[in-house]
PDB file of N, CA and C in Angstrom:
ATOM      1  N   MET A   1      11.533   4.410   7.698  1.00  0.00           N
ATOM      2  CA  MET A   1      10.083   4.315   7.785  1.00  0.00           C
ATOM      3  C   MET A   1       9.755   3.061   8.605  1.00  0.00           C
ATOM      4  N   ASP A   2       8.937   3.240   9.631  1.00  0.00           N
ATOM      5  CA  ASP A   2       8.591   2.076  10.444  1.00  0.00           C
ATOM      6  C   ASP A   2       7.577   1.193   9.698  1.00  0.00           C
ATOM      7  N   ALA A   3       7.339   0.005  10.217  1.00  0.00           N
ATOM      8  CA  ALA A   3       6.482  -0.975   9.539  1.00  0.00           C
ATOM      9  C   ALA A   3       5.057  -0.470   9.343  1.00  0.00           C
ATOM     10  N   SER A   4       4.543   0.260  10.319  1.00  0.00           N
ATOM     11  CA  SER A   4       3.181   0.776  10.223  1.00  0.00           C
ATOM     12  C   SER A   4       3.063   1.821   9.108  1.00  0.00           C
ATOM     13  N   THR A   5       4.012   2.739   9.058  1.00  0.00           N
ATOM     14  CA  THR A   5       4.011   3.771   8.018  1.00  0.00           C
ATOM     15  C   THR A   5       4.219   3.144   6.651  1.00  0.00           C
ATOM     16  N   ARG A   6       5.087   2.149   6.569  1.00  0.00           N
ATOM     17  CA  ARG A   6       5.326   1.451   5.307  1.00  0.00           C
ATOM     18  C   ARG A   6       4.031   0.808   4.805  1.00  0.00           C
ATOM     19  N   PHE A   7       3.300   0.141   5.706  1.00  0.00           N
ATOM     20  CA  PHE A   7       2.032  -0.471   5.302  1.00  0.00           C
ATOM     21  C   PHE A   7       1.048   0.590   4.835  1.00  0.00           C
ATOM     22  N   GLU A   8       0.940   1.701   5.564  1.00  0.00           N
ATOM     23  CA  GLU A   8       0.011   2.771   5.185  1.00  0.00           C
ATOM     24  C   GLU A   8       0.364   3.335   3.810  1.00  0.00           C
ATOM     25  N   PHE A   9       1.641   3.522   3.547  1.00  0.00           N
ATOM     26  CA  PHE A   9       2.122   4.017   2.255  1.00  0.00           C
ATOM     27  C   PHE A   9       1.730   3.045   1.140  1.00  0.00           C
ATOM     28  N   MET A  10       1.980   1.770   1.364  1.00  0.00           N
ATOM     29  CA  MET A  10       1.658   0.762   0.353  1.00  0.00           C
ATOM     30  C   MET A  10       0.146   0.603   0.202  1.00  0.00           C
ATOM     31  N   ALA A  11      -0.594   0.630   1.308  1.00  0.00           N
ATOM     32  CA  ALA A  11      -2.050   0.485   1.250  1.00  0.00           C
ATOM     33  C   ALA A  11      -2.688   1.649   0.494  1.00  0.00           C
ATOM     34  N   GLU A  12      -2.188   2.855   0.704  1.00  0.00           N
ATOM     35  CA  GLU A  12      -2.734   4.010  -0.007  1.00  0.00           C
ATOM     36  C   GLU A  12      -2.396   3.935  -1.498  1.00  0.00           C
ATOM     37  N   THR A  13      -1.207   3.480  -1.825  1.00  0.00           N
ATOM     38  CA  THR A  13      -0.849   3.298  -3.231  1.00  0.00           C
ATOM     39  C   THR A  13      -1.756   2.252  -3.869  1.00  0.00           C
ATOM     40  N   PHE A  14      -2.005   1.165  -3.169  1.00  0.00           N
ATOM     41  CA  PHE A  14      -2.918   0.117  -3.637  1.00  0.00           C
ATOM     42  C   PHE A  14      -4.304   0.693  -3.883  1.00  0.00           C
ATOM     43  N   ARG A  15      -4.800   1.517  -2.943  1.00  0.00           N
ATOM     44  CA  ARG A  15      -6.134   2.109  -3.081  1.00  0.00           C
ATOM     45  C   ARG A  15      -6.203   3.032  -4.289  1.00  0.00           C
ATOM     46  N   ILE A  16      -5.163   3.838  -4.494  1.00  0.00           N
ATOM     47  CA  ILE A  16      -5.121   4.744  -5.642  1.00  0.00           C
ATOM     48  C   ILE A  16      -5.129   3.953  -6.950  1.00  0.00           C
ATOM     49  N   MET A  17      -4.351   2.872  -6.992  1.00  0.00           N
ATOM     50  CA  MET A  17      -4.224   2.094  -8.230  1.00  0.00           C
ATOM     51  C   MET A  17      -5.423   1.202  -8.511  1.00  0.00           C
ATOM     52  N   THR A  18      -6.075   0.693  -7.463  1.00  0.00           N
ATOM     53  CA  THR A  18      -7.125  -0.311  -7.678  1.00  0.00           C
ATOM     54  C   THR A  18      -8.523   0.155  -7.293  1.00  0.00           C
ATOM     55  N   GLY A  19      -8.594   1.200  -6.476  1.00  0.00           N
ATOM     56  CA  GLY A  19      -9.888   1.635  -5.969  1.00  0.00           C
ATOM     57  C   GLY A  19     -10.383   0.800  -4.799  1.00  0.00           C
ATOM     58  N   GLN A  20      -9.555  -0.120  -4.317  1.00  0.00           N
ATOM     59  CA  GLN A  20      -9.932  -1.000  -3.208  1.00  0.00           C
ATOM     60  C   GLN A  20      -9.052  -0.731  -1.993  1.00  0.00           C
ATOM     61  N   MET A  21      -9.619  -0.986  -0.818  1.00  0.00           N
ATOM     62  CA  MET A  21      -8.849  -0.877   0.412  1.00  0.00           C
ATOM     63  C   MET A  21      -8.015  -2.146   0.574  1.00  0.00           C
ATOM     64  N   ALA A  22      -6.802  -1.988   1.070  1.00  0.00           N
ATOM     65  CA  ALA A  22      -5.946  -3.139   1.327  1.00  0.00           C
ATOM     66  C   ALA A  22      -6.531  -3.958   2.462  1.00  0.00           C
ATOM     67  N   PRO A  23      -6.275  -5.271   2.460  1.00  0.00           N
ATOM     68  CA  PRO A  23      -6.677  -6.074   3.610  1.00  0.00           C
ATOM     69  C   PRO A  23      -6.023  -5.493   4.866  1.00  0.00           C
ATOM     70  N   GLY A  24      -6.779  -5.429   5.929  1.00  0.00           N
ATOM     71  CA  GLY A  24      -6.284  -4.803   7.143  1.00  0.00           C
ATOM     72  C   GLY A  24      -6.795  -3.384   7.297  1.00  0.00           C
ATOM     73  N   LYS A  25      -7.314  -2.822   6.226  1.00  0.00           N
ATOM     74  CA  LYS A  25      -7.936  -1.503   6.263  1.00  0.00           C
ATOM     75  C   LYS A  25      -9.446  -1.712   6.251  1.00  0.00           C
ATOM     76  N   ASP A  26     -10.177  -0.850   6.933  1.00  0.00           N
ATOM     77  CA  ASP A  26     -11.632  -0.965   6.974  1.00  0.00           C
ATOM     78  C   ASP A  26     -12.234  -0.472   5.662  1.00  0.00           C
ATOM     79  N   ALA A  27     -12.970  -1.351   5.001  1.00  0.00           N
ATOM     80  CA  ALA A  27     -13.671  -0.962   3.784  1.00  0.00           C
ATOM     81  C   ALA A  27     -14.885  -0.129   4.162  1.00  0.00           C
ATOM     82  N   PRO A  28     -15.263   0.851   3.329  1.00  0.00           N
ATOM     83  CA  PRO A  28     -16.440   1.666   3.650  1.00  0.00           C
ATOM     84  C   PRO A  28     -17.690   0.798   3.761  1.00  0.00           C
ATOM     85  N   ALA A  29     -18.543   1.105   4.727  1.00  0.00           N
ATOM     86  CA  ALA A  29     -19.762   0.323   4.948  1.00  0.00           C
ATOM     87  C   ALA A  29     -20.703   0.399   3.753  1.00  0.00           C
ATOM     88  N   ALA A  30     -20.793   1.560   3.140  1.00  0.00           N
ATOM     89  CA  ALA A  30     -21.693   1.740   1.998  1.00  0.00           C
ATOM     90  C   ALA A  30     -20.860   1.971   0.741  1.00  0.00           C
ATOM     91  N   GLY A  31     -20.114   0.955   0.355  1.00  0.00           N
ATOM     92  CA  GLY A  31     -19.246   1.129  -0.801  1.00  0.00           C
ATOM     93  C   GLY A  31     -19.274  -0.069  -1.723  1.00  0.00           C
ATOM     94  N   ASP A  32     -18.502   0.050  -2.764  1.00  0.00           N
ATOM     95  CA  ASP A  32     -18.398  -1.005  -3.776  1.00  0.00           C
ATOM     96  C   ASP A  32     -17.259  -1.966  -3.477  1.00  0.00           C
ATOM     97  N   SER A  33     -16.849  -2.049  -2.248  1.00  0.00           N
ATOM     98  CA  SER A  33     -15.680  -2.844  -1.906  1.00  0.00           C
ATOM     99  C   SER A  33     -15.937  -4.330  -2.107  1.00  0.00           C
ATOM    100  N   LEU A  34     -14.872  -5.026  -2.449  1.00  0.00           N
ATOM    101  CA  LEU A  34     -14.908  -6.483  -2.577  1.00  0.00           C
ATOM    102  C   LEU A  34     -14.917  -7.113  -1.187  1.00  0.00           C
ATOM    103  N   SER A  35     -15.176  -8.406  -1.134  1.00  0.00           N
ATOM    104  CA  SER A  35     -15.082  -9.125   0.136  1.00  0.00           C
ATOM    105  C   SER A  35     -13.632  -9.102   0.615  1.00  0.00           C
ATOM    106  N   TYR A  36     -13.434  -9.372   1.896  1.00  0.00           N
ATOM    107  CA  TYR A  36     -12.080  -9.409   2.443  1.00  0.00           C
ATOM    108  C   TYR A  36     -11.224 -10.418   1.686  1.00  0.00           C
ATOM    109  N   GLU A  37     -11.785 -11.574   1.400  1.00  0.00           N
ATOM    110  CA  GLU A  37     -11.033 -12.627   0.701  1.00  0.00           C
ATOM    111  C   GLU A  37     -10.626 -12.170  -0.695  1.00  0.00           C
ATOM    112  N   ASP A  38     -11.534 -11.497  -1.403  1.00  0.00           N
ATOM    113  CA  ASP A  38     -11.210 -11.007  -2.743  1.00  0.00           C
ATOM    114  C   ASP A  38     -10.167  -9.891  -2.681  1.00  0.00           C
ATOM    115  N   ARG A  39     -10.286  -9.018  -1.669  1.00  0.00           N
ATOM    116  CA  ARG A  39      -9.270  -7.967  -1.501  1.00  0.00           C
ATOM    117  C   ARG A  39      -7.917  -8.572  -1.163  1.00  0.00           C
ATOM    118  N   GLN A  40      -7.917  -9.633  -0.354  1.00  0.00           N
ATOM    119  CA  GLN A  40      -6.666 -10.312   0.004  1.00  0.00           C
ATOM    120  C   GLN A  40      -5.999 -10.883  -1.246  1.00  0.00           C
ATOM    121  N   LEU A  41      -6.768 -11.532  -2.091  1.00  0.00           N
ATOM    122  CA  LEU A  41      -6.230 -12.085  -3.334  1.00  0.00           C
ATOM    123  C   LEU A  41      -5.726 -10.964  -4.238  1.00  0.00           C
ATOM    124  N   MET A  42      -6.501  -9.894  -4.344  1.00  0.00           N
ATOM    125  CA  MET A  42      -6.097  -8.759  -5.171  1.00  0.00           C
ATOM    126  C   MET A  42      -4.812  -8.134  -4.638  1.00  0.00           C
ATOM    127  N   TRP A  43      -4.688  -8.002  -3.315  1.00  0.00           N
ATOM    128  CA  TRP A  43      -3.493  -7.469  -2.656  1.00  0.00           C
ATOM    129  C   TRP A  43      -2.281  -8.338  -2.966  1.00  0.00           C
ATOM    130  N   GLN A  44      -2.449  -9.654  -2.821  1.00  0.00           N
ATOM    131  CA  GLN A  44      -1.329 -10.570  -3.088  1.00  0.00           C
ATOM    132  C   GLN A  44      -0.877 -10.479  -4.552  1.00  0.00           C
ATOM    133  N   ASN A  45      -1.828 -10.424  -5.469  1.00  0.00           N
ATOM    134  CA  ASN A  45      -1.490 -10.295  -6.890  1.00  0.00           C
ATOM    135  C   ASN A  45      -0.802  -8.962  -7.166  1.00  0.00           C
ATOM    136  N   TRP A  46      -1.290  -7.906  -6.533  1.00  0.00           N
ATOM    137  CA  TRP A  46      -0.704  -6.575  -6.704  1.00  0.00           C
ATOM    138  C   TRP A  46       0.722  -6.554  -6.170  1.00  0.00           C
ATOM    139  N   LEU A  47       0.934  -7.150  -4.978  1.00  0.00           N
ATOM    140  CA  LEU A  47       2.287  -7.211  -4.417  1.00  0.00           C
ATOM    141  C   LEU A  47       3.221  -8.021  -5.307  1.00  0.00           C
ATOM    142  N   HIS A  48       2.717  -9.092  -5.877  1.00  0.00           N
ATOM    143  CA  HIS A  48       3.540  -9.909  -6.774  1.00  0.00           C
ATOM    144  C   HIS A  48       3.978  -9.084  -7.983  1.00  0.00           C
ATOM    145  N   LYS A  49       3.067  -8.296  -8.514  1.00  0.00           N
ATOM    146  CA  LYS A  49       3.354  -7.511  -9.715  1.00  0.00           C
ATOM    147  C   LYS A  49       4.159  -6.248  -9.399  1.00  0.00           C
ATOM    148  N   TYR A  50       3.822  -5.539  -8.322  1.00  0.00           N
ATOM    149  CA  TYR A  50       4.410  -4.236  -8.048  1.00  0.00           C
ATOM    150  C   TYR A  50       5.280  -4.177  -6.795  1.00  0.00           C
ATOM    151  N   GLY A  51       5.441  -5.292  -6.098  1.00  0.00           N
ATOM    152  CA  GLY A  51       6.180  -5.290  -4.839  1.00  0.00           C
ATOM    153  C   GLY A  51       7.593  -4.755  -4.957  1.00  0.00           C
ATOM    154  N   GLY A  52       8.304  -5.139  -6.010  1.00  0.00           N
ATOM    155  CA  GLY A  52       9.677  -4.658  -6.194  1.00  0.00           C
ATOM    156  C   GLY A  52       9.718  -3.152  -6.368  1.00  0.00           C
ATOM    157  N   CYS A  53       8.787  -2.622  -7.134  1.00  0.00           N
ATOM    158  CA  CYS A  53       8.706  -1.180  -7.341  1.00  0.00           C
ATOM    159  C   CYS A  53       8.336  -0.480  -6.034  1.00  0.00           C
ATOM    160  N   MET A  54       7.414  -1.063  -5.276  1.00  0.00           N
ATOM    161  CA  MET A  54       7.018  -0.466  -4.001  1.00  0.00           C
ATOM    162  C   MET A  54       8.192  -0.449  -3.024  1.00  0.00           C
ATOM    163  N   ASN A  55       8.961  -1.527  -2.982  1.00  0.00           N
ATOM    164  CA  ASN A  55      10.130  -1.565  -2.096  1.00  0.00           C
ATOM    165  C   ASN A  55      11.124  -0.473  -2.474  1.00  0.00           C
ATOM    166  N   ALA A  56      11.333  -0.276  -3.778  1.00  0.00           N
ATOM    167  CA  ALA A  56      12.243   0.777  -4.233  1.00  0.00           C
ATOM    168  C   ALA A  56      11.703   2.157  -3.874  1.00  0.00           C
ATOM    169  N   ALA A  57      10.394   2.367  -4.017  1.00  0.00           N
ATOM    170  CA  ALA A  57       9.789   3.659  -3.695  1.00  0.00           C
ATOM    171  C   ALA A  57       9.899   3.956  -2.206  1.00  0.00           C
ATOM    172  N   VAL A  58       9.687   2.952  -1.369  1.00  0.00           N
ATOM    173  CA  VAL A  58       9.813   3.139   0.085  1.00  0.00           C
ATOM    174  C   VAL A  58      11.258   3.474   0.443  1.00  0.00           C
ATOM    175  N   LEU A  59      12.202   2.768  -0.135  1.00  0.00           N
ATOM    176  CA  LEU A  59      13.615   3.037   0.123  1.00  0.00           C
ATOM    177  C   LEU A  59      13.978   4.453  -0.323  1.00  0.00           C
ATOM    178  N   ALA A  60      13.506   4.849  -1.506  1.00  0.00           N
ATOM    179  CA  ALA A  60      13.784   6.199  -2.007  1.00  0.00           C
ATOM    180  C   ALA A  60      13.178   7.248  -1.089  1.00  0.00           C
ATOM    181  N   ALA A  61      11.941   7.036  -0.642  1.00  0.00           N
ATOM    182  CA  ALA A  61      11.290   7.987   0.259  1.00  0.00           C
ATOM    183  C   ALA A  61      12.085   8.109   1.557  1.00  0.00           C
ATOM    184  N   ASP A  62      12.513   6.982   2.095  1.00  0.00           N
ATOM    185  CA  ASP A  62      13.328   7.012   3.315  1.00  0.00           C
ATOM    186  C   ASP A  62      14.598   7.829   3.098  1.00  0.00           C
ATOM    187  N   ARG A  63      15.283   7.585   2.002  1.00  0.00           N
ATOM    188  CA  ARG A  63      16.532   8.279   1.743  1.00  0.00           C
ATOM    189  C   ARG A  63      16.321   9.774   1.560  1.00  0.00           C
ATOM    190  N   VAL A  64      15.304  10.162   0.832  1.00  0.00           N
ATOM    191  CA  VAL A  64      15.043  11.580   0.584  1.00  0.00           C
ATOM    192  C   VAL A  64      14.584  12.277   1.857  1.00  0.00           C
ATOM    193  N   LEU A  65      13.676  11.648   2.605  1.00  0.00           N
ATOM    194  CA  LEU A  65      13.129  12.281   3.798  1.00  0.00           C
ATOM    195  C   LEU A  65      14.133  12.352   4.937  1.00  0.00           C
ATOM    196  N   LEU A  66      15.081  11.424   4.965  1.00  0.00           N
ATOM    197  CA  LEU A  66      16.074  11.425   6.043  1.00  0.00           C
ATOM    198  C   LEU A  66      17.328  12.216   5.692  1.00  0.00           C
ATOM    199  N   GLU A  67      17.402  12.692   4.455  1.00  0.00           N
ATOM    200  CA  GLU A  67      18.572  13.434   3.995  1.00  0.00           C
ATOM    201  C   GLU A  67      18.717  14.715   4.802  1.00  0.00           C
ATOM    202  N   ASP A  68      19.934  15.028   5.163  1.00  0.00           N
ATOM    203  CA  ASP A  68      20.201  16.261   5.899  1.00  0.00           C
ATOM    204  C   ASP A  68      20.288  17.406   4.892  1.00  0.00           C
ATOM    205  N   HIS A  69      19.345  18.348   4.982  1.00  0.00           N
ATOM    206  CA  HIS A  69      19.303  19.459   4.034  1.00  0.00           C
ATOM    207  C   HIS A  69      19.889  20.746   4.619  1.00  0.00           C
ATOM    208  N   SER A  70      20.697  20.610   5.651  1.00  0.00           N
ATOM    209  CA  SER A  70      21.266  21.819   6.257  1.00  0.00           C
ATOM    210  C   SER A  70      22.536  22.254   5.564  1.00  0.00           C
TER     211      SER A  70
END
């Protein structure tokens, strides 16, 4: 998984878990989104808590998706 896809995977997981867009993603103009600074802090805290699990999930996805099923 390239760096861009990895970020998108993690950002979408963050959005599902928190209801917020990851820093670097455009927050909806008419939404309940936090400020960029608050989202950045929330992202950092989320990565601290779930980063190891996210790294394992990305590695597992890479292994499963790249597996030769022929």
